[in-house]
Each structure stands twice: as C-alpha cells, then as structure tokens.
Amino acid sequence: MQGLILDRSAPLYGRAAEIPKIAPLPCGWIRKALHLRDDRAAIEAYAIWGGVPRYWELAADFSGQQEAVQALALSPLGVLYDEPSEGDEPPPYRHPGNGIFIRCGDRERS
C-alpha cells in the first residue's frame, strides 16, 4: 500500500493536498477500549500507551499491561520496539535497548 503512494512512479504519488493532524485521545477513553476494571488501571495504561488508539488495539491482545509492554515494546521483535522515531521530542524515560518510553503525564488538561 505504501508503494502506491510513496513511490514517485506510483499513480497516487504527490496527490495529497494536506496531511491531517490527529490529536491523541484523552485518557478517559482507554478504560473502555482495554476493558479495564478501574480508574487506576486506566491511568497506568494511558501512562504506557498514551492516546494512540493503534497502541491500544495492540495491547488489547494481551492479558496484562506488563506482558503487552514486554512483547510489543521491549522485545526486539516487538511491533513498537523502534517507537518513537527519530525526530520526536526526547521522552522523560527511554529504555536503554530501544526507543520506547514511558509517559509520565499528558499535556492536555481538562
């Protein structure tokens, strides 16, 4: 799919007029998305995954947050092992073996 858009010879290359900016979802949605039992579990999950629904989908396949973090982010074979990409602002904590980080708070205030 990426080749259809990113390759200069592709028919869709350069047709995008703009790139929409999508803000992270607020913390309140993660409890329902991950079927968490209480507010504390929701805050812990949001501290790990932030407001990115795709990360929530990936984490939902595991029985617990620790298992999900180990498999998705800390394992070199994990889907999120290389997150965040270069150029992102430096996080408050970076695992020494890869680019994953634990968020200590959210910038949005309600």
Protein backbone atom coordinates (compact mmCIF):
# COMPACT_ATOMS: atom_id res chain seq x y z
CA MET A 1 0.00 0.00 0.00
CA GLN A 2 2.80 2.44 0.86
CA GLY A 3 4.36 1.86 -2.55
CA LEU A 4 1.18 3.10 -4.25
CA ILE A 5 1.61 6.48 -2.58
CA LEU A 6 5.29 6.96 -1.74
CA ASP A 7 6.96 5.74 -4.93
CA ARG A 8 7.50 8.56 -7.47
CA SER A 9 6.28 6.32 -10.29
CA ALA A 10 3.08 5.40 -8.42
CA PRO A 11 -0.21 6.82 -9.75
CA LEU A 12 -1.14 8.37 -6.37
CA TYR A 13 2.27 9.95 -5.65
CA GLY A 14 2.00 13.63 -4.72
CA ARG A 15 -1.80 13.80 -4.86
CA ALA A 16 -2.37 14.50 -1.16
CA ALA A 17 -3.41 18.12 -0.70
CA GLU A 18 -2.78 18.11 3.04
CA ILE A 19 -1.87 15.83 5.92
CA PRO A 20 -4.49 15.90 8.67
CA LYS A 21 -3.23 16.37 12.21
CA ILE A 22 -4.89 13.93 14.58
CA ALA A 23 -4.54 14.61 18.29
CA PRO A 24 -4.18 11.77 20.81
CA LEU A 25 -7.38 10.61 22.51
CA PRO A 26 -7.89 11.76 26.11
CA CYS A 27 -7.27 9.35 28.98
CA GLY A 28 -10.96 8.71 29.64
CA TRP A 29 -11.37 6.50 26.54
CA ILE A 30 -8.71 3.92 27.33
CA ARG A 31 -10.65 2.25 30.15
CA LYS A 32 -13.45 1.22 27.81
CA ALA A 33 -11.11 0.35 24.93
CA LEU A 34 -8.98 -2.02 27.02
CA HIS A 35 -11.86 -3.21 29.27
CA LEU A 36 -10.03 -2.08 32.41
CA ARG A 37 -11.54 -2.63 35.85
CA ASP A 38 -10.88 0.74 37.50
CA ASP A 39 -9.52 4.26 37.09
CA ARG A 40 -6.07 3.35 38.42
CA ALA A 41 -5.64 0.66 35.75
CA ALA A 42 -6.76 3.19 33.11
CA ILE A 43 -4.21 5.76 34.27
CA GLU A 44 -1.44 3.16 34.29
CA ALA A 45 -2.38 2.01 30.78
CA TYR A 46 -2.53 5.60 29.50
CA ALA A 47 0.89 6.30 31.03
CA ILE A 48 2.25 3.42 28.95
CA TRP A 49 0.34 3.73 25.65
CA GLY A 50 -0.62 7.39 25.57
CA GLY A 51 -3.59 8.45 23.46
CA VAL A 52 -2.77 6.36 20.38
CA PRO A 53 -5.67 4.02 19.54
CA ARG A 54 -3.45 1.74 17.44
CA TYR A 55 -1.29 1.06 20.51
CA TRP A 56 -4.47 0.28 22.46
CA GLU A 57 -5.53 -2.25 19.83
CA LEU A 58 -2.18 -3.98 20.05
CA ALA A 59 -2.21 -4.01 23.87
CA ALA A 60 -5.76 -5.41 23.99
CA ASP A 61 -4.48 -8.75 22.67
CA PHE A 62 -2.57 -9.40 25.92
CA SER A 63 -3.80 -10.45 29.36
CA GLY A 64 -1.92 -7.68 31.19
CA GLN A 65 0.00 -4.44 30.66
CA GLN A 66 3.35 -5.91 31.72
CA GLU A 67 3.04 -8.73 29.20
CA ALA A 68 1.98 -6.27 26.48
CA VAL A 69 4.89 -3.89 27.14
CA GLN A 70 7.39 -6.76 27.14
CA ALA A 71 6.09 -8.26 23.89
CA LEU A 72 5.30 -5.08 21.96
CA ALA A 73 7.85 -2.55 23.12
CA LEU A 74 10.81 -4.12 24.91
CA SER A 75 11.32 -7.19 22.76
CA PRO A 76 13.50 -6.54 19.69
CA LEU A 77 10.84 -8.39 17.68
CA GLY A 78 8.03 -6.21 19.06
CA VAL A 79 5.95 -4.03 16.76
CA LEU A 80 6.67 -0.93 18.86
CA TYR A 81 10.34 -1.61 19.55
CA ASP A 82 11.51 1.23 17.29
CA GLU A 83 9.00 3.78 18.58
CA PRO A 84 9.26 6.74 18.80
CA SER A 85 11.02 7.51 15.57
CA GLU A 86 13.96 9.85 15.27
CA GLY A 87 12.98 13.49 15.35
CA ASP A 88 10.38 13.09 18.08
CA GLU A 89 10.90 15.16 21.18
CA PRO A 90 13.03 13.41 23.80
CA PRO A 91 10.91 11.46 26.28
CA PRO A 92 11.25 11.57 30.07
CA TYR A 93 12.41 7.93 30.17
CA ARG A 94 14.00 5.93 27.38
CA HIS A 95 14.66 2.21 27.66
CA PRO A 96 18.40 1.70 27.05
CA GLY A 97 17.84 -1.00 24.45
CA ASN A 98 15.38 0.78 22.19
CA GLY A 99 13.27 3.85 21.58
CA ILE A 100 10.19 3.06 23.70
CA PHE A 101 9.40 5.38 26.52
CA ILE A 102 7.01 5.65 29.42
CA ARG A 103 4.99 8.84 29.55
CA CYS A 104 4.78 10.48 32.92
CA GLY A 105 1.88 12.74 32.10
CA ASP A 106 -0.29 14.18 29.40
CA ARG A 107 -0.05 17.71 28.10
CA GLU A 108 -3.78 18.04 27.67
CA ARG A 109 -5.71 19.38 30.61
CA SER A 110 -9.41 19.00 31.04
